[in-house]
N, C-alpha and C. Protein backbone atom coordinates (compact mmCIF):
# COMPACT_ATOMS: atom_id res chain seq x y z
N MET A 1 -22.06 -11.22 3.05
CA MET A 1 -20.98 -10.42 3.33
C MET A 1 -20.44 -10.81 4.64
N ASP A 2 -19.27 -11.11 5.12
CA ASP A 2 -18.81 -11.40 6.26
C ASP A 2 -18.13 -10.04 6.87
N TRP A 3 -19.19 -9.45 7.87
CA TRP A 3 -18.76 -7.77 8.20
C TRP A 3 -17.54 -7.79 8.92
N VAL A 4 -17.09 -8.91 9.62
CA VAL A 4 -15.95 -8.88 10.68
C VAL A 4 -14.66 -8.88 9.37
N ALA A 5 -14.91 -9.65 8.44
CA ALA A 5 -13.96 -9.68 7.47
C ALA A 5 -13.87 -8.30 6.89
N PHE A 6 -15.20 -7.83 6.83
CA PHE A 6 -14.92 -6.55 6.19
C PHE A 6 -13.97 -5.29 6.91
N GLY A 7 -14.21 -5.33 8.09
CA GLY A 7 -13.73 -4.62 9.30
C GLY A 7 -12.39 -4.70 9.27
N GLU A 8 -11.67 -5.89 9.33
CA GLU A 8 -10.36 -6.37 8.81
C GLU A 8 -9.63 -6.03 7.88
N LEU A 9 -10.59 -6.03 6.57
CA LEU A 9 -9.83 -5.01 5.97
C LEU A 9 -9.84 -3.61 5.71
N LEU A 10 -10.53 -3.12 6.44
CA LEU A 10 -10.89 -1.35 6.33
C LEU A 10 -9.25 -1.31 7.72
N THR A 11 -9.28 -2.08 8.54
CA THR A 11 -8.03 -2.14 9.65
C THR A 11 -6.58 -2.10 8.99
N LEU A 12 -6.70 -3.26 7.96
CA LEU A 12 -5.54 -3.46 7.01
C LEU A 12 -5.26 -2.08 6.13
N LEU A 13 -6.58 -1.78 5.89
CA LEU A 13 -6.11 -0.57 4.85
C LEU A 13 -5.73 1.05 5.55
N ALA A 14 -6.48 0.59 6.71
CA ALA A 14 -5.86 2.03 7.59
C ALA A 14 -4.72 2.10 8.03
N ILE A 15 -4.18 0.98 8.34
CA ILE A 15 -2.46 0.83 8.57
C ILE A 15 -1.70 1.02 7.55
N GLY A 16 -2.10 0.43 6.18
CA GLY A 16 -1.27 0.67 5.06
C GLY A 16 -1.21 1.94 4.61
N LEU A 17 -2.26 2.53 4.87
CA LEU A 17 -2.26 4.14 4.43
C LEU A 17 -1.62 5.07 5.39
N ILE A 18 -1.49 5.11 6.85
CA ILE A 18 -0.82 6.01 7.63
C ILE A 18 0.61 5.74 7.44
N THR A 19 0.91 4.68 7.24
CA THR A 19 2.59 4.39 7.10
C THR A 19 2.89 4.78 5.80
N PRO A 20 4.12 5.52 5.71
CA PRO A 20 4.34 6.28 4.13
C PRO A 20 5.22 5.26 3.47
N GLY A 21 4.50 5.11 2.49
CA GLY A 21 5.27 4.31 1.55
C GLY A 21 5.40 5.05 0.04
N PRO A 22 6.19 4.27 -0.89
CA PRO A 22 6.33 5.10 -1.98
C PRO A 22 5.87 6.05 -2.55
N ASN A 23 4.28 5.74 -2.44
CA ASN A 23 3.21 6.65 -3.20
C ASN A 23 2.62 7.93 -2.33
N ALA A 24 2.87 7.49 -0.93
CA ALA A 24 2.70 8.75 0.15
C ALA A 24 3.71 9.88 0.13
N LEU A 25 4.89 9.05 -0.02
CA LEU A 25 5.94 10.03 0.10
C LEU A 25 6.22 10.94 -1.29
N THR A 26 5.87 10.12 -2.34
CA THR A 26 6.16 10.86 -3.76
C THR A 26 4.90 11.94 -3.65
N CYS A 27 3.68 11.61 -3.23
CA CYS A 27 2.69 12.71 -3.31
C CYS A 27 3.13 13.75 -2.38
N PHE A 28 3.69 13.30 -1.03
CA PHE A 28 3.63 14.60 -0.35
C PHE A 28 5.35 15.11 -0.73
N ALA A 29 6.21 14.78 -1.05
CA ALA A 29 7.19 15.52 -1.49
C ALA A 29 6.75 16.18 -2.76
N HIS A 30 6.29 15.87 -3.50
CA HIS A 30 6.13 16.47 -5.04
C HIS A 30 5.05 17.45 -4.86
N SER A 31 4.03 17.50 -4.01
CA SER A 31 3.43 18.51 -3.71
C SER A 31 4.08 19.81 -2.90
N GLY A 32 5.08 19.31 -1.84
CA GLY A 32 5.87 20.38 -1.42
C GLY A 32 6.42 21.18 -2.34
N LEU A 33 6.93 20.31 -3.44
CA LEU A 33 7.83 21.12 -4.32
C LEU A 33 6.94 21.90 -5.43
N PHE A 34 6.08 21.46 -5.82
CA PHE A 34 5.21 22.02 -6.97
C PHE A 34 3.57 22.44 -6.66
N GLY A 35 3.40 22.03 -5.44
CA GLY A 35 2.09 22.36 -4.88
C GLY A 35 0.88 21.55 -5.15
N PRO A 36 -0.20 21.39 -4.44
CA PRO A 36 -0.97 20.33 -4.67
C PRO A 36 -1.69 19.86 -5.96
N LYS A 37 -1.99 20.84 -6.67
CA LYS A 37 -2.68 20.99 -8.02
C LYS A 37 -1.60 20.02 -8.95
N ALA A 38 -0.31 20.03 -8.95
CA ALA A 38 0.47 19.32 -9.59
C ALA A 38 0.29 17.78 -9.54
N ASN A 39 -0.26 17.44 -8.42
CA ASN A 39 -0.16 16.06 -8.00
C ASN A 39 -1.52 15.39 -8.85
N VAL A 40 -2.49 15.97 -9.29
CA VAL A 40 -3.89 15.52 -9.89
C VAL A 40 -3.46 14.63 -11.04
N LYS A 41 -2.69 14.73 -12.10
CA LYS A 41 -2.15 13.55 -12.89
C LYS A 41 -1.44 12.37 -12.30
N LEU A 42 -0.59 12.72 -11.39
CA LEU A 42 0.19 11.92 -10.65
C LEU A 42 -0.85 10.84 -9.66
N ILE A 43 -1.57 11.54 -9.23
CA ILE A 43 -2.30 10.54 -8.36
C ILE A 43 -3.61 9.67 -9.50
N ALA A 44 -4.13 10.30 -10.76
CA ALA A 44 -4.96 9.35 -11.47
C ALA A 44 -4.01 8.21 -12.01
N GLY A 45 -2.61 8.46 -12.65
CA GLY A 45 -1.69 7.47 -12.57
C GLY A 45 -1.71 6.45 -11.94
N MET A 46 -1.64 6.81 -10.52
CA MET A 46 -1.20 5.71 -9.38
C MET A 46 -2.71 5.12 -9.53
N ALA A 47 -3.75 5.87 -9.52
CA ALA A 47 -5.09 4.94 -9.40
C ALA A 47 -5.04 3.71 -10.66
N VAL A 48 -4.94 4.19 -11.65
CA VAL A 48 -4.92 3.27 -12.76
C VAL A 48 -3.92 1.81 -12.51
N GLY A 49 -2.93 2.67 -12.01
CA GLY A 49 -1.75 1.04 -11.91
C GLY A 49 -2.35 0.57 -10.83
N PHE A 50 -2.75 0.94 -9.81
CA PHE A 50 -3.26 0.34 -8.52
C PHE A 50 -4.55 -0.72 -9.27
N VAL A 51 -5.52 -0.40 -9.72
CA VAL A 51 -6.72 -0.98 -10.21
C VAL A 51 -6.15 -1.95 -11.09
N THR A 52 -5.25 -1.75 -11.90
CA THR A 52 -4.63 -2.84 -12.84
C THR A 52 -4.05 -4.22 -12.21
N ILE A 53 -3.32 -3.66 -11.17
CA ILE A 53 -2.54 -4.66 -10.39
C ILE A 53 -3.59 -5.55 -9.47
N GLU A 54 -4.23 -4.64 -8.95
CA GLU A 54 -5.20 -5.32 -7.87
C GLU A 54 -6.18 -6.17 -8.56
N VAL A 55 -6.33 -5.97 -9.65
CA VAL A 55 -7.77 -6.71 -10.67
C VAL A 55 -6.84 -8.17 -10.99
N SER A 56 -5.64 -7.76 -11.49
CA SER A 56 -4.53 -8.73 -12.17
C SER A 56 -4.52 -10.07 -10.76
N VAL A 57 -4.19 -9.32 -9.77
CA VAL A 57 -4.06 -10.14 -8.60
C VAL A 57 -5.08 -10.68 -8.28
N GLY A 58 -6.26 -10.31 -8.05
CA GLY A 58 -7.61 -10.71 -7.53
C GLY A 58 -8.02 -12.08 -8.56
N LEU A 59 -7.76 -11.91 -10.05
CA LEU A 59 -8.31 -12.66 -10.69
C LEU A 59 -7.15 -14.13 -10.35
N LEU A 60 -6.23 -14.09 -10.52
CA LEU A 60 -5.13 -14.96 -10.13
C LEU A 60 -5.36 -15.41 -8.94
N VAL A 61 -5.48 -14.91 -7.67
CA VAL A 61 -5.74 -15.55 -6.20
C VAL A 61 -7.35 -16.10 -6.88
N ASP A 62 -8.13 -15.70 -7.25
CA ASP A 62 -9.57 -16.59 -7.38
C ASP A 62 -9.23 -17.70 -7.94
N ALA A 63 -8.50 -17.80 -9.44
CA ALA A 63 -8.28 -19.11 -9.96
C ALA A 63 -7.88 -20.07 -9.35
N LEU A 64 -6.76 -19.62 -8.60
CA LEU A 64 -5.85 -20.60 -7.68
C LEU A 64 -6.35 -20.72 -6.30
N SER A 65 -7.57 -20.27 -6.10
CA SER A 65 -8.31 -20.56 -4.62
C SER A 65 -8.58 -22.15 -4.24
N ASP A 66 -8.45 -22.97 -5.31
CA ASP A 66 -8.78 -24.24 -4.69
C ASP A 66 -7.52 -24.97 -4.56
N SER A 67 -6.59 -24.25 -4.92
CA SER A 67 -4.97 -25.10 -4.58
C SER A 67 -4.43 -24.49 -3.03
N ALA A 68 -4.59 -25.32 -2.29
CA ALA A 68 -3.51 -24.96 -0.80
C ALA A 68 -2.42 -24.43 -1.20
N THR A 69 -1.55 -25.02 -1.81
CA THR A 69 -0.06 -25.28 -2.17
C THR A 69 0.07 -23.61 -2.99
N ALA A 70 -1.02 -23.50 -3.93
CA ALA A 70 -0.74 -21.94 -4.50
C ALA A 70 -1.13 -20.92 -3.71
N MET A 71 -2.00 -20.97 -2.83
CA MET A 71 -2.53 -20.31 -2.05
C MET A 71 -1.41 -20.03 -0.58
N THR A 72 -0.80 -20.61 -0.42
CA THR A 72 0.20 -20.82 0.54
C THR A 72 1.41 -19.92 -0.18
N VAL A 73 1.74 -20.09 -1.21
CA VAL A 73 2.76 -19.54 -2.07
C VAL A 73 2.69 -18.08 -2.16
N LEU A 74 1.20 -17.87 -2.33
CA LEU A 74 0.94 -16.19 -2.80
C LEU A 74 0.97 -15.61 -1.44
N HIS A 75 0.39 -16.45 -0.10
CA HIS A 75 0.76 -15.52 1.02
C HIS A 75 2.01 -15.28 1.57
N TRP A 76 2.88 -16.36 0.97
CA TRP A 76 4.44 -16.07 1.90
C TRP A 76 5.04 -15.08 0.92
N ILE A 77 4.56 -15.13 -0.46
CA ILE A 77 5.19 -13.58 -1.67
C ILE A 77 4.86 -12.28 -0.83
N GLY A 78 3.47 -12.59 -0.16
CA GLY A 78 3.12 -11.16 0.27
C GLY A 78 3.72 -10.74 1.59
N MET A 79 4.03 -11.80 2.26
CA MET A 79 4.59 -11.82 3.68
C MET A 79 6.19 -11.26 3.57
N THR A 80 6.87 -11.98 2.69
CA THR A 80 8.20 -11.41 2.26
C THR A 80 8.00 -10.38 2.07
N PHE A 81 7.30 -9.43 1.06
CA PHE A 81 7.32 -8.41 0.28
C PHE A 81 6.87 -7.40 1.81
N LEU A 82 5.92 -7.79 2.52
CA LEU A 82 5.64 -6.98 3.92
C LEU A 82 6.87 -6.88 4.79
N GLY A 83 7.55 -8.08 4.83
CA GLY A 83 8.70 -7.92 5.84
C GLY A 83 9.90 -7.15 5.59
N ALA A 84 10.22 -7.18 3.82
CA ALA A 84 11.27 -6.10 3.53
C ALA A 84 10.80 -4.67 3.81
N MET A 85 9.59 -4.33 3.68
CA MET A 85 9.27 -2.87 4.21
C MET A 85 9.23 -2.78 5.45
N VAL A 86 9.13 -4.06 6.54
CA VAL A 86 9.31 -3.38 7.95
C VAL A 86 10.99 -3.32 8.19
N VAL A 87 11.79 -3.79 7.59
CA VAL A 87 13.12 -3.98 7.64
C VAL A 87 13.70 -2.47 7.07
N ALA A 88 12.85 -2.22 6.11
CA ALA A 88 13.08 -0.64 5.22
C ALA A 88 12.63 0.52 6.27
N MET A 89 11.71 0.38 6.69
CA MET A 89 11.21 1.41 7.87
C MET A 89 12.05 1.74 8.58
N PHE A 90 12.83 0.63 9.43
CA PHE A 90 13.59 0.47 10.56
C PHE A 90 14.98 1.37 10.13
N ARG A 91 15.75 1.09 8.60
CA ARG A 91 16.76 1.17 8.47
C ARG A 91 17.07 2.70 7.59
N PHE A 92 15.47 3.02 7.24
CA PHE A 92 15.45 4.14 6.16
C PHE A 92 15.88 5.79 7.24
N ASP A 93 16.81 6.34 6.61
CA ASP A 93 16.97 7.83 7.09
C ASP A 93 16.43 9.00 6.35
N PRO A 94 15.34 9.81 6.53
CA PRO A 94 14.62 10.40 5.86
C PRO A 94 15.90 11.70 5.83
N ALA A 95 16.39 11.94 6.57
CA ALA A 95 17.40 13.13 6.54
C ALA A 95 18.36 13.32 5.01
N SER A 96 18.48 11.68 4.59
CA SER A 96 19.50 11.66 3.81
C SER A 96 18.84 11.82 2.32
N VAL A 97 17.36 12.15 2.28
CA VAL A 97 16.71 12.12 0.89
C VAL A 97 16.56 13.85 0.90
N HIS A 98 17.24 14.09 -0.52
CA HIS A 98 16.71 15.48 -0.88
C HIS A 98 15.97 15.56 -2.06
N ASN A 99 14.80 16.47 -2.31
CA ASN A 99 14.15 16.42 -3.51
C ASN A 99 14.39 16.60 -4.47
N GLU A 100 15.39 17.35 -4.70
CA GLU A 100 15.93 17.75 -5.79
C GLU A 100 16.49 16.57 -6.49
N GLN A 101 17.01 15.58 -5.80
CA GLN A 101 17.79 14.38 -6.11
C GLN A 101 16.75 13.21 -6.83
N ASN A 102 15.74 13.02 -6.32
CA ASN A 102 14.74 12.29 -6.67
C ASN A 102 13.45 12.82 -7.23
N ILE A 103 13.14 13.79 -7.57
CA ILE A 103 12.16 14.31 -8.63
C ILE A 103 12.80 15.18 -9.30
N GLU A 104 12.52 14.85 -11.04
CA GLU A 104 12.99 15.71 -11.59
C GLU A 104 11.80 16.32 -12.40
N GLY A 105 11.30 17.67 -12.11
CA GLY A 105 10.41 18.43 -12.92
C GLY A 105 8.95 17.71 -12.17
N MET A 106 8.13 18.12 -12.78
CA MET A 106 6.58 17.46 -12.43
C MET A 106 5.99 15.68 -12.94
N LEU A 107 5.83 15.08 -12.12
CA LEU A 107 5.62 13.64 -12.02
C LEU A 107 4.04 13.72 -12.47
N GLY A 108 3.92 12.82 -13.51
CA GLY A 108 2.41 12.97 -14.56
C GLY A 108 2.06 11.35 -14.30
N LEU A 109 1.01 11.53 -15.23
CA LEU A 109 0.26 10.16 -15.32
C LEU A 109 1.00 8.60 -15.58
N LYS A 110 2.05 9.26 -16.60
CA LYS A 110 2.59 7.49 -16.77
C LYS A 110 3.35 7.12 -15.51
N VAL A 111 4.32 8.29 -14.88
CA VAL A 111 5.09 7.99 -13.57
C VAL A 111 4.13 7.20 -12.50
N GLY A 112 2.89 8.05 -12.55
CA GLY A 112 2.12 7.24 -11.53
C GLY A 112 1.83 5.78 -11.64
N ILE A 113 1.49 5.28 -12.91
CA ILE A 113 1.23 4.23 -13.34
C ILE A 113 2.39 3.12 -13.22
N GLY A 114 3.38 3.82 -13.68
CA GLY A 114 4.77 3.25 -13.43
C GLY A 114 5.32 2.87 -11.92
N MET A 115 4.88 3.70 -11.32
CA MET A 115 5.26 3.21 -9.93
C MET A 115 4.77 2.23 -9.20
N GLN A 116 3.53 2.09 -9.68
CA GLN A 116 2.75 0.71 -8.89
C GLN A 116 3.41 -0.76 -9.26
N PHE A 117 4.02 -0.85 -10.38
CA PHE A 117 4.59 -2.23 -10.88
C PHE A 117 5.80 -2.51 -9.80
N VAL A 118 6.26 -1.39 -9.32
CA VAL A 118 7.86 -1.71 -8.47
C VAL A 118 7.65 -1.27 -7.14
N ASN A 119 6.28 -1.13 -6.75
CA ASN A 119 6.07 -1.08 -5.35
C ASN A 119 5.53 -1.95 -4.38
N GLY A 120 7.12 -2.17 -3.94
CA GLY A 120 6.62 -3.41 -3.19
C GLY A 120 5.82 -3.47 -2.05
N LYS A 121 5.52 -2.64 -1.05
CA LYS A 121 4.48 -2.28 -0.38
C LYS A 121 3.30 -2.35 -0.69
N GLU A 122 2.89 -1.92 -1.97
CA GLU A 122 1.62 -2.36 -2.44
C GLU A 122 1.44 -3.56 -2.74
N TRP A 123 2.43 -4.17 -3.60
CA TRP A 123 2.23 -5.87 -4.02
C TRP A 123 2.02 -6.64 -2.65
N ALA A 124 2.50 -6.42 -1.35
CA ALA A 124 2.53 -6.99 -0.35
C ALA A 124 0.95 -6.83 -0.12
N PHE A 125 0.47 -5.66 0.15
CA PHE A 125 -0.92 -5.46 0.60
C PHE A 125 -1.91 -6.18 -0.24
N ILE A 126 -1.63 -6.32 -1.91
CA ILE A 126 -2.69 -6.61 -2.43
C ILE A 126 -2.81 -8.02 -2.55
N ILE A 127 -1.57 -8.61 -2.53
CA ILE A 127 -1.50 -10.13 -2.61
C ILE A 127 -2.39 -10.77 -1.31
N ILE A 128 -1.75 -9.94 -0.10
CA ILE A 128 -2.28 -10.14 1.14
C ILE A 128 -4.07 -9.93 1.53
N MET A 129 -4.43 -8.94 0.71
CA MET A 129 -5.86 -8.56 0.67
C MET A 129 -6.52 -9.68 0.05
N MET A 130 -5.96 -9.53 -1.17
CA MET A 130 -6.79 -10.73 -2.15
C MET A 130 -6.84 -12.15 -1.75
N SER A 131 -5.81 -12.44 -0.97
CA SER A 131 -5.98 -14.00 -0.26
C SER A 131 -6.54 -14.50 0.83
N GLN A 132 -6.62 -13.23 1.27
CA GLN A 132 -7.43 -13.41 2.63
C GLN A 132 -9.24 -12.84 2.54
N PHE A 133 -9.39 -11.96 1.75
CA PHE A 133 -10.77 -11.27 1.95
C PHE A 133 -11.98 -11.69 0.58
N ILE A 134 -11.12 -12.18 -0.50
CA ILE A 134 -12.21 -12.50 -1.73
C ILE A 134 -13.11 -13.35 -1.15
N GLU A 135 -13.02 -14.46 -0.84
CA GLU A 135 -14.10 -15.48 -0.30
C GLU A 135 -15.10 -14.64 0.95
N PRO A 136 -14.61 -14.25 1.94
CA PRO A 136 -15.23 -13.63 3.02
C PRO A 136 -16.28 -12.62 2.47
N LEU A 137 -15.85 -11.77 1.71
CA LEU A 137 -16.90 -10.51 0.87
C LEU A 137 -17.48 -10.86 -0.70
N GLY A 138 -17.60 -12.07 -0.69
CA GLY A 138 -18.74 -12.32 -1.75
C GLY A 138 -18.06 -13.66 -2.44
N GLY A 139 -16.92 -13.73 -2.76
CA GLY A 139 -16.53 -14.56 -3.65
C GLY A 139 -16.34 -14.17 -5.18
N GLY A 140 -15.36 -14.85 -5.43
CA GLY A 140 -15.44 -14.59 -7.21
C GLY A 140 -15.21 -12.99 -7.52
N MET A 141 -15.83 -12.39 -8.81
CA MET A 141 -15.80 -11.38 -9.25
C MET A 141 -16.21 -10.20 -8.13
N THR A 142 -17.36 -10.56 -7.04
CA THR A 142 -18.05 -9.80 -6.09
C THR A 142 -17.24 -9.41 -5.26
N GLY A 143 -16.30 -10.59 -4.57
CA GLY A 143 -15.12 -10.15 -3.84
C GLY A 143 -14.29 -9.43 -4.13
N ILE A 144 -13.90 -9.28 -5.46
CA ILE A 144 -12.69 -8.87 -5.97
C ILE A 144 -13.13 -7.28 -6.14
N ALA A 145 -14.27 -7.24 -6.83
CA ALA A 145 -14.79 -5.94 -6.82
C ALA A 145 -15.19 -5.03 -5.48
N THR A 146 -15.53 -5.89 -4.73
CA THR A 146 -15.54 -5.12 -3.26
C THR A 146 -14.23 -4.31 -2.67
N ILE A 147 -13.37 -5.25 -3.09
CA ILE A 147 -12.26 -5.20 -2.29
C ILE A 147 -11.56 -3.75 -3.22
N VAL A 148 -11.82 -3.93 -4.65
CA VAL A 148 -11.06 -2.64 -5.47
C VAL A 148 -11.64 -1.84 -5.25
N LEU A 149 -13.35 -1.75 -5.04
CA LEU A 149 -13.97 -0.37 -5.07
C LEU A 149 -13.34 0.11 -3.39
N VAL A 150 -13.38 -0.49 -2.50
CA VAL A 150 -13.12 -0.01 -0.89
C VAL A 150 -11.62 0.68 -0.95
N THR A 151 -10.90 -0.25 -1.49
CA THR A 151 -9.41 -0.23 -1.31
C THR A 151 -8.96 1.30 -2.40
N LEU A 152 -9.83 1.40 -3.38
CA LEU A 152 -9.28 2.52 -4.32
C LEU A 152 -9.89 3.83 -3.76
N THR A 153 -11.31 3.97 -3.14
CA THR A 153 -11.90 5.01 -2.30
C THR A 153 -11.04 5.38 -1.31
N MET A 154 -10.25 4.51 -0.76
CA MET A 154 -9.71 4.96 0.63
C MET A 154 -8.08 5.34 0.14
N CYS A 155 -7.41 4.56 -0.87
CA CYS A 155 -6.28 5.07 -1.16
C CYS A 155 -6.29 6.59 -2.19
N LEU A 156 -7.22 6.78 -2.94
CA LEU A 156 -7.45 8.12 -3.36
C LEU A 156 -7.49 9.38 -2.17
N GLY A 157 -8.32 8.82 -1.07
CA GLY A 157 -8.55 9.77 -0.15
C GLY A 157 -7.32 10.27 0.44
N ALA A 158 -6.67 9.06 0.69
CA ALA A 158 -5.33 9.31 1.56
C ALA A 158 -4.52 9.91 0.70
N MET A 159 -3.99 9.60 -0.46
CA MET A 159 -2.97 10.31 -1.47
C MET A 159 -3.30 11.99 -1.46
N VAL A 160 -4.68 12.06 -1.54
CA VAL A 160 -5.25 13.59 -1.75
C VAL A 160 -4.79 14.10 0.02
N LEU A 161 -4.75 13.40 0.74
CA LEU A 161 -4.27 13.88 2.13
C LEU A 161 -3.17 13.99 2.42
N TRP A 162 -2.08 13.09 2.05
CA TRP A 162 -0.78 13.12 1.95
C TRP A 162 -0.24 14.38 1.27
N THR A 163 -0.87 14.36 -0.04
CA THR A 163 -0.75 15.90 -1.12
C THR A 163 -0.92 17.08 -0.38
N LEU A 164 -2.08 16.79 0.52
CA LEU A 164 -2.36 18.51 1.45
C LEU A 164 -1.31 18.59 2.68
N ALA A 165 -0.90 17.83 3.03
CA ALA A 165 0.14 17.69 3.85
C ALA A 165 1.37 18.12 3.52
N GLY A 166 2.04 17.44 2.20
CA GLY A 166 3.28 18.22 1.69
C GLY A 166 3.23 19.16 1.58
N ALA A 167 2.08 19.96 0.99
CA ALA A 167 2.31 21.51 0.88
C ALA A 167 2.84 22.04 2.15
N ARG A 168 2.38 21.28 3.39
CA ARG A 168 2.45 22.26 4.75
C ARG A 168 3.43 21.65 5.87
N LEU A 169 3.78 20.28 5.70
CA LEU A 169 4.60 19.61 6.74
C LEU A 169 5.73 18.89 5.94
N ASN A 170 6.38 19.51 5.11
CA ASN A 170 7.47 18.78 4.21
C ASN A 170 8.39 18.63 4.99
N HIS A 171 9.05 19.75 6.33
CA HIS A 171 9.93 19.87 6.99
C HIS A 171 9.91 18.45 7.94
N LEU A 172 9.00 18.28 8.29
CA LEU A 172 8.90 17.23 9.49
C LEU A 172 9.64 15.70 9.12
N PHE A 173 9.30 15.37 7.48
CA PHE A 173 10.16 14.00 7.06
C PHE A 173 11.57 14.24 7.13
N THR A 174 11.96 15.34 6.82
CA THR A 174 13.51 15.58 6.31
C THR A 174 14.29 15.86 7.83
N GLU A 175 13.59 16.34 9.01
CA GLU A 175 14.25 16.43 10.19
C GLU A 175 14.83 14.92 10.84
N GLY A 176 16.16 15.01 11.13
CA GLY A 176 16.80 13.86 11.53
C GLY A 176 16.05 13.21 12.14
N THR A 177 16.05 13.46 13.67
CA THR A 177 15.34 12.64 14.78
C THR A 177 14.21 12.51 14.47
N THR A 178 12.91 13.69 14.11
CA THR A 178 11.88 13.58 14.05
C THR A 178 11.41 12.59 12.87
N GLY A 179 11.80 12.71 11.83
CA GLY A 179 11.83 11.62 10.39
C GLY A 179 12.12 10.36 10.81
N LYS A 180 13.23 9.92 11.51
CA LYS A 180 13.57 8.32 12.03
C LYS A 180 12.69 8.05 12.54
N ARG A 181 11.89 9.36 13.92
CA ARG A 181 10.75 8.22 14.78
C ARG A 181 9.85 8.00 14.12
N ILE A 182 9.13 9.05 13.17
CA ILE A 182 8.09 8.82 12.15
C ILE A 182 8.18 7.25 11.72
N PHE A 183 9.21 7.27 11.12
CA PHE A 183 9.95 6.11 10.13
C PHE A 183 9.71 4.63 11.21
N ARG A 184 10.10 4.62 12.38
CA ARG A 184 10.21 3.53 13.10
C ARG A 184 8.76 3.39 13.68
N ILE A 185 8.18 4.28 14.08
CA ILE A 185 6.66 3.86 14.17
C ILE A 185 5.96 3.14 13.55
N CYS A 186 6.36 3.71 12.22
CA CYS A 186 5.66 3.36 11.06
C CYS A 186 6.26 1.53 10.78
N GLY A 187 7.18 1.36 11.05
CA GLY A 187 7.90 0.01 10.96
C GLY A 187 7.33 -0.74 11.76
N LEU A 188 7.19 -0.34 13.22
CA LEU A 188 6.49 -0.99 14.25
C LEU A 188 5.40 -1.49 13.94
N LEU A 189 4.24 -0.59 13.20
CA LEU A 189 3.26 -0.97 13.13
C LEU A 189 3.00 -2.06 11.96
N LEU A 190 3.86 -2.06 10.93
CA LEU A 190 3.80 -2.97 10.01
C LEU A 190 4.15 -4.26 10.51
N GLY A 191 5.17 -4.07 11.38
CA GLY A 191 5.79 -5.37 12.35
C GLY A 191 4.54 -6.07 12.78
N LEU A 192 4.01 -5.36 13.38
CA LEU A 192 2.53 -6.32 14.51
C LEU A 192 1.72 -6.78 13.17
N LEU A 193 1.76 -6.02 11.86
CA LEU A 193 0.46 -6.60 11.20
C LEU A 193 1.42 -8.17 10.50
N TRP A 194 2.76 -7.98 10.38
CA TRP A 194 3.19 -9.27 9.85
C TRP A 194 2.95 -10.40 10.71
N VAL A 195 3.25 -10.24 12.22
CA VAL A 195 3.07 -10.99 13.18
C VAL A 195 1.72 -11.26 12.88
N ALA A 196 0.48 -10.63 12.63
CA ALA A 196 -1.14 -11.20 12.88
C ALA A 196 -0.98 -11.88 11.93
N PHE A 197 -0.79 -11.72 10.46
CA PHE A 197 -0.64 -12.51 9.48
C PHE A 197 -0.01 -13.48 9.62
N LEU A 198 1.03 -13.80 10.19
CA LEU A 198 1.76 -15.11 10.59
C LEU A 198 1.04 -15.67 11.29
N VAL A 199 0.47 -15.28 12.41
CA VAL A 199 -0.47 -16.22 13.51
C VAL A 199 -1.64 -16.74 12.52
N GLN A 200 -2.43 -15.67 11.56
CA GLN A 200 -3.53 -16.19 10.96
C GLN A 200 -3.28 -17.25 10.26
N GLY A 201 -1.82 -17.07 9.40
CA GLY A 201 -1.49 -18.30 8.15
C GLY A 201 -2.37 -17.75 6.87
N PRO A 202 -2.05 -18.57 5.76
CA PRO A 202 -2.80 -18.77 4.56
C PRO A 202 -4.57 -18.79 4.48
N ALA A 203 -5.08 -18.00 3.79
CA ALA A 203 -6.38 -18.05 3.91
C ALA A 203 -6.82 -19.85 3.95
N THR A 204 -6.45 -20.40 3.26
CA THR A 204 -6.76 -22.07 3.12
C THR A 204 -6.79 -22.76 4.18
N ALA A 205 -5.40 -22.23 5.07
CA ALA A 205 -4.97 -22.93 6.11
C ALA A 205 -6.21 -22.66 7.47
N ALA A 206 -6.92 -21.42 7.04
CA ALA A 206 -7.71 -21.18 8.17
C ALA A 206 -9.18 -21.32 7.78
N ALA A 207 -9.46 -21.74 6.58
CA ALA A 207 -10.61 -22.63 6.05
C ALA A 207 -11.05 -23.62 6.90
């Protein structure tokens, strides 16, 4: 295993998890409305959907790893998703969001699973992680399994923390000035990450 690559994977995950995306904000808001226990099924669904997408993308990337063109296309698909998230972070006004308009009742397993398939931020990170780190972390199913295990563990921990924070700090994201500042800082972090991957280029180009 390439431990430098492993450290880079952890850094990428850390940035992804501290920047509030759809999963984090849903856990945060849902917990604020219904309490932390209401998020158990929701987070379980998120985990199922996340693993499904991550394994599928991992197998696709591994199958296409010998094609420089395919890896470049996958790289830029991920970059496009990530770039869109940067723009969204800077344009988003959290004060315009009202929980009662976006969350109808308690969200459960099916909603948690379904959310993953329309989560642009998640697709961006998964495509980039798989295209960059499968080979350095063992290649083939070993690399895929390593990435899935590490990301699932960290993501579940992060969703639990966002859930607990939602029960206590829900007001921070809905306050105009504070909320905008939080999202712009997150947008800056994602933007720096985008630049780093732009400089690094597709995995095959660096090989």
